Amino acid sequence: MRIFTLSGYQAYLGLGLTLFAGLLATSVQAQVTLVTTRNTLGSTDFVDWGSLGGELTSIASPFSINSNGGLSLTVSEFGPSFTRANEGGVWGGNFALGDHLLYTDVSPSGNGPITIVFASPVSAAGYQIETATGGVFLARLRAFDSSNTDIGTVTETGSSHGGSDNSAIFIGGKRLTPDIKKIVISIDSSQFGDPARFSINRLDIRTTGTAAATPEPGGLALVAGLLLSGSALIRRRRK
């Protein structure tokens, strides 16, 4: 029969701690975390679509734009062009009054999705979004890294209506490190017709790292069990 020494039990406990650290790092990088407020996103930069021109300006797809901090972005959609709109003007929805919007256009082919490619990867990106028709919708944000690998998707349900009351949902995704090279913005469904046409307001981005995410409960329970077992064995050995 094999007999473990105290140092053997300590090694066992050390292994559990190593597994915990590895699990934490893997869990954080394995997903894009949903963010539903601008404050939570913790942006360090932003893109104001108003720099593209006044209301009703038509912007051919794709186009390039610089963030307030100088980061270059390439923006495109399936349709031939975007339209610049303002909340309370051309757009009568539930963004904040006067918000500068990027609209997927009024033509039948202007149905999104919007694809945004960053010159340098970011750790987080987010915006408020609303459909052109009223009702409930599902917004989706997909993130890709520099090798064009899909690194995660987040979704959020919203409701499109009038009022210019700043109640449009905010949807964003964040990672621990700046490895988001591209995001794809789309509307999956709508309560009424014309589900694909939509607008987004200011794009907030974070170019530095973000706070670590919490690992999955199941994985934590497994590692915690290993640690507790190792600690119990050490206590019994000492007695």
Protein backbone atom coordinates (compact mmCIF):
# COMPACT_ATOMS: atom_id res chain seq x y z
CA MET A 1 0.00 0.00 0.00
CA ARG A 2 1.32 3.44 -0.95
CA ILE A 3 1.83 5.84 1.97
CA PHE A 4 1.76 9.58 1.31
CA THR A 5 3.91 11.88 3.41
CA LEU A 6 2.89 15.34 4.52
CA SER A 7 4.97 16.83 1.72
CA GLY A 8 3.03 14.64 -0.72
CA TYR A 9 -0.25 16.06 0.52
CA GLN A 10 1.14 19.56 0.22
CA ALA A 11 2.14 18.84 -3.36
CA TYR A 12 -1.42 17.61 -3.95
CA LEU A 13 -2.78 20.88 -2.60
CA GLY A 14 -0.33 22.84 -4.73
CA LEU A 15 -1.56 21.01 -7.79
CA GLY A 16 -5.11 22.03 -6.93
CA LEU A 17 -4.07 25.67 -6.68
CA THR A 18 -2.34 25.42 -10.05
CA LEU A 19 -5.46 23.92 -11.60
CA PHE A 20 -7.54 26.72 -10.10
CA ALA A 21 -5.30 29.39 -11.62
CA GLY A 22 -5.42 27.68 -14.99
CA LEU A 23 -9.18 27.33 -14.84
CA LEU A 24 -9.59 31.00 -13.98
CA ALA A 25 -7.44 32.14 -16.91
CA THR A 26 -9.15 29.77 -19.34
CA SER A 27 -12.65 30.76 -18.22
CA VAL A 28 -11.92 34.44 -18.63
CA GLN A 29 -10.61 34.03 -22.16
CA ALA A 30 -13.21 31.47 -23.23
CA GLN A 31 -16.03 33.95 -23.56
CA VAL A 32 -17.08 37.49 -24.31
CA THR A 33 -18.84 39.01 -21.31
CA LEU A 34 -22.12 40.84 -21.92
CA VAL A 35 -22.13 44.49 -20.84
CA THR A 36 -25.43 46.39 -20.63
CA THR A 37 -24.33 49.88 -19.52
CA ARG A 38 -21.71 52.33 -20.74
CA ASN A 39 -20.30 52.73 -17.23
CA THR A 40 -19.72 48.98 -16.91
CA LEU A 41 -17.91 48.89 -20.26
CA GLY A 42 -15.31 51.31 -18.88
CA SER A 43 -14.50 52.90 -22.24
CA THR A 44 -11.24 54.69 -22.92
CA ASP A 45 -12.24 55.92 -26.38
CA PHE A 46 -15.30 56.41 -28.59
CA VAL A 47 -16.53 56.99 -32.14
CA ASP A 48 -19.02 59.80 -32.81
CA TRP A 49 -20.88 59.12 -36.06
CA GLY A 50 -21.61 62.84 -36.29
CA SER A 51 -18.09 63.29 -37.71
CA LEU A 52 -19.37 61.63 -40.91
CA GLY A 53 -21.51 64.65 -41.75
CA GLY A 54 -24.90 66.16 -41.09
CA GLU A 55 -28.24 64.42 -40.98
CA LEU A 56 -29.24 62.55 -44.17
CA THR A 57 -25.62 62.33 -45.34
CA SER A 58 -25.18 59.12 -47.35
CA ILE A 59 -21.99 57.19 -46.57
CA ALA A 60 -20.85 54.55 -49.05
CA SER A 61 -19.99 51.13 -47.63
CA PRO A 62 -17.28 50.39 -46.65
CA PHE A 63 -15.89 53.56 -45.10
CA SER A 64 -13.08 54.45 -42.70
CA ILE A 65 -13.40 56.60 -39.60
CA ASN A 66 -11.11 57.52 -36.71
CA SER A 67 -12.09 57.35 -33.06
CA ASN A 68 -11.74 60.35 -30.80
CA GLY A 69 -8.39 58.92 -29.70
CA GLY A 70 -7.12 58.33 -33.24
CA LEU A 71 -7.86 54.60 -33.69
CA SER A 72 -8.79 53.79 -37.29
CA LEU A 73 -11.89 51.66 -37.99
CA THR A 74 -13.31 50.19 -41.20
CA VAL A 75 -17.13 49.98 -41.22
CA SER A 76 -19.23 48.07 -43.74
CA GLU A 77 -22.62 46.47 -44.30
CA PHE A 78 -24.33 44.28 -46.90
CA GLY A 79 -26.12 47.24 -48.45
CA PRO A 80 -24.41 49.89 -50.60
CA SER A 81 -24.51 52.73 -48.09
CA PHE A 82 -25.37 54.02 -44.64
CA THR A 83 -27.40 57.09 -43.72
CA ARG A 84 -26.54 59.56 -40.99
CA ALA A 85 -29.54 60.24 -38.77
CA ASN A 86 -30.24 62.12 -35.55
CA GLU A 87 -32.65 61.09 -32.81
CA GLY A 88 -35.60 63.46 -32.92
CA GLY A 89 -34.96 64.31 -36.57
CA VAL A 90 -35.01 61.63 -39.26
CA TRP A 91 -35.05 59.02 -36.51
CA GLY A 92 -37.95 59.14 -34.06
CA GLY A 93 -37.13 56.37 -31.61
CA ASN A 94 -35.90 55.92 -28.07
CA PHE A 95 -32.30 57.07 -28.22
CA ALA A 96 -31.45 60.27 -26.36
CA LEU A 97 -32.68 63.39 -28.14
CA GLY A 98 -30.01 64.65 -30.54
CA ASP A 99 -27.93 61.43 -30.59
CA HIS A 100 -25.82 61.03 -33.73
CA LEU A 101 -26.80 57.72 -35.34
CA LEU A 102 -25.46 55.37 -37.99
CA TYR A 103 -28.44 53.92 -39.87
CA THR A 104 -28.25 50.81 -42.07
CA ASP A 105 -30.02 52.82 -44.78
CA VAL A 106 -33.55 53.01 -46.15
CA SER A 107 -32.95 50.90 -49.27
CA PRO A 108 -34.29 47.30 -49.36
CA SER A 109 -30.72 45.95 -49.39
CA GLY A 110 -29.65 48.04 -46.40
CA ASN A 111 -30.40 45.29 -43.93
CA GLY A 112 -27.17 44.91 -42.02
CA PRO A 113 -25.31 43.41 -40.35
CA ILE A 114 -22.76 46.12 -39.60
CA THR A 115 -19.16 44.91 -39.51
CA ILE A 116 -16.52 47.00 -37.73
CA VAL A 117 -12.82 46.16 -38.03
CA PHE A 118 -10.36 47.87 -35.67
CA ALA A 119 -6.86 48.79 -36.84
CA SER A 120 -5.63 47.53 -33.46
CA PRO A 121 -7.53 45.02 -31.28
CA VAL A 122 -9.61 46.34 -28.38
CA SER A 123 -10.79 44.68 -25.18
CA ALA A 124 -14.38 46.00 -25.23
CA ALA A 125 -16.91 47.64 -27.51
CA GLY A 126 -20.53 48.66 -27.08
CA TYR A 127 -23.36 50.92 -28.27
CA GLN A 128 -27.09 51.53 -27.96
CA ILE A 129 -29.22 49.97 -30.69
CA GLU A 130 -32.80 50.15 -31.96
CA THR A 131 -34.79 48.79 -34.91
CA ALA A 132 -36.44 51.02 -37.50
CA THR A 133 -39.82 49.46 -36.73
CA GLY A 134 -41.48 49.32 -33.33
CA GLY A 135 -41.62 46.29 -31.11
CA VAL A 136 -39.44 43.73 -29.39
CA PHE A 137 -36.18 42.64 -31.01
CA LEU A 138 -33.05 40.62 -30.26
CA ALA A 139 -29.72 42.38 -30.72
CA ARG A 140 -26.56 40.36 -31.33
CA LEU A 141 -22.86 41.23 -31.13
CA ARG A 142 -20.24 38.74 -32.40
CA ALA A 143 -16.53 39.24 -31.72
CA PHE A 144 -13.56 37.96 -33.72
CA ASP A 145 -9.81 38.02 -33.05
CA SER A 146 -6.94 38.92 -35.40
CA SER A 147 -7.04 35.47 -37.04
CA ASN A 148 -10.78 35.97 -37.75
CA THR A 149 -11.68 33.31 -35.19
CA ASP A 150 -15.09 33.74 -33.56
CA ILE A 151 -14.27 34.38 -29.88
CA GLY A 152 -17.78 34.92 -28.54
CA THR A 153 -21.30 36.25 -29.00
CA VAL A 154 -23.58 38.22 -26.70
CA THR A 155 -27.28 39.00 -27.15
CA GLU A 156 -29.80 41.28 -25.49
CA THR A 157 -33.54 41.81 -25.93
CA GLY A 158 -34.80 45.32 -26.51
CA SER A 159 -37.94 47.24 -27.41
CA SER A 160 -38.15 49.90 -30.08
CA HIS A 161 -40.57 52.80 -29.56
CA GLY A 162 -40.76 56.58 -29.71
CA GLY A 163 -40.16 59.18 -27.06
CA SER A 164 -36.46 60.09 -27.43
CA ASP A 165 -36.09 59.02 -23.79
CA ASN A 166 -32.66 57.32 -23.90
CA SER A 167 -34.22 53.92 -23.15
CA ALA A 168 -32.62 52.18 -26.15
CA ILE A 169 -30.74 49.12 -24.91
CA PHE A 170 -26.96 49.20 -24.58
CA ILE A 171 -25.18 46.05 -25.70
CA GLY A 172 -21.45 45.50 -25.44
CA GLY A 173 -18.90 42.76 -25.13
CA LYS A 174 -15.62 42.73 -23.22
CA ARG A 175 -12.57 40.51 -22.83
CA LEU A 176 -9.71 40.42 -20.33
CA THR A 177 -7.10 41.46 -22.89
CA PRO A 178 -7.30 43.56 -26.07
CA ASP A 179 -7.92 40.79 -28.62
CA ILE A 180 -11.18 41.88 -30.28
CA LYS A 181 -10.22 42.75 -33.85
CA LYS A 182 -13.70 42.76 -35.38
CA ILE A 183 -17.32 42.96 -34.25
CA VAL A 184 -20.45 42.11 -36.23
CA ILE A 185 -23.66 43.90 -35.20
CA SER A 186 -27.06 42.51 -36.18
CA ILE A 187 -30.72 42.26 -35.30
CA ASP A 188 -31.91 38.65 -35.11
CA SER A 189 -35.63 39.17 -34.93
CA SER A 190 -38.38 41.74 -34.58
CA GLN A 191 -41.98 41.66 -33.42
CA PHE A 192 -43.08 43.32 -36.65
CA GLY A 193 -41.81 43.41 -40.23
CA ASP A 194 -38.55 44.83 -41.59
CA PRO A 195 -36.43 43.33 -38.79
CA ALA A 196 -33.00 44.08 -40.20
CA ARG A 197 -32.96 47.86 -40.50
CA PHE A 198 -31.54 49.46 -37.40
CA SER A 199 -29.43 52.28 -36.02
CA ILE A 200 -26.65 52.47 -33.45
CA ASN A 201 -25.42 55.51 -31.58
CA ARG A 202 -21.95 56.35 -30.25
CA LEU A 203 -19.57 53.38 -30.27
CA ASP A 204 -17.66 53.14 -26.99
CA ILE A 205 -14.43 51.14 -26.98
CA ARG A 206 -11.79 50.13 -24.48
CA THR A 207 -8.25 49.76 -25.76
CA THR A 208 -6.70 48.47 -22.52
CA GLY A 209 -7.37 45.32 -20.48
CA THR A 210 -10.53 44.80 -18.42
CA ALA A 211 -11.23 43.28 -15.01
CA ALA A 212 -11.10 39.49 -14.78
CA ALA A 213 -14.37 37.65 -15.23
CA THR A 214 -15.73 35.07 -12.79
CA PRO A 215 -15.08 31.44 -13.79
CA GLU A 216 -17.95 29.02 -14.33
CA PRO A 217 -19.53 27.74 -11.05
CA GLY A 218 -19.14 24.09 -12.05
CA GLY A 219 -15.42 24.46 -12.65
CA LEU A 220 -14.95 26.30 -9.38
CA ALA A 221 -16.79 23.56 -7.49
CA LEU A 222 -14.53 20.89 -8.96
CA VAL A 223 -11.32 22.67 -8.03
CA ALA A 224 -12.69 23.67 -4.62
CA GLY A 225 -13.41 20.00 -3.93
CA LEU A 226 -9.84 19.07 -4.77
CA LEU A 227 -8.49 21.78 -2.49
CA LEU A 228 -10.74 20.78 0.41
CA SER A 229 -9.81 17.12 0.03
CA GLY A 230 -6.12 17.97 0.06
CA SER A 231 -6.50 20.18 3.12
CA ALA A 232 -8.44 17.49 4.99
CA LEU A 233 -5.77 14.87 4.24
CA ILE A 234 -3.05 17.19 5.57
CA ARG A 235 -4.99 17.83 8.79
CA ARG A 236 -5.53 14.11 9.36
CA ARG A 237 -1.86 13.37 8.70
CA ARG A 238 -0.78 15.98 11.21
CA LYS A 239 -3.08 14.52 13.88
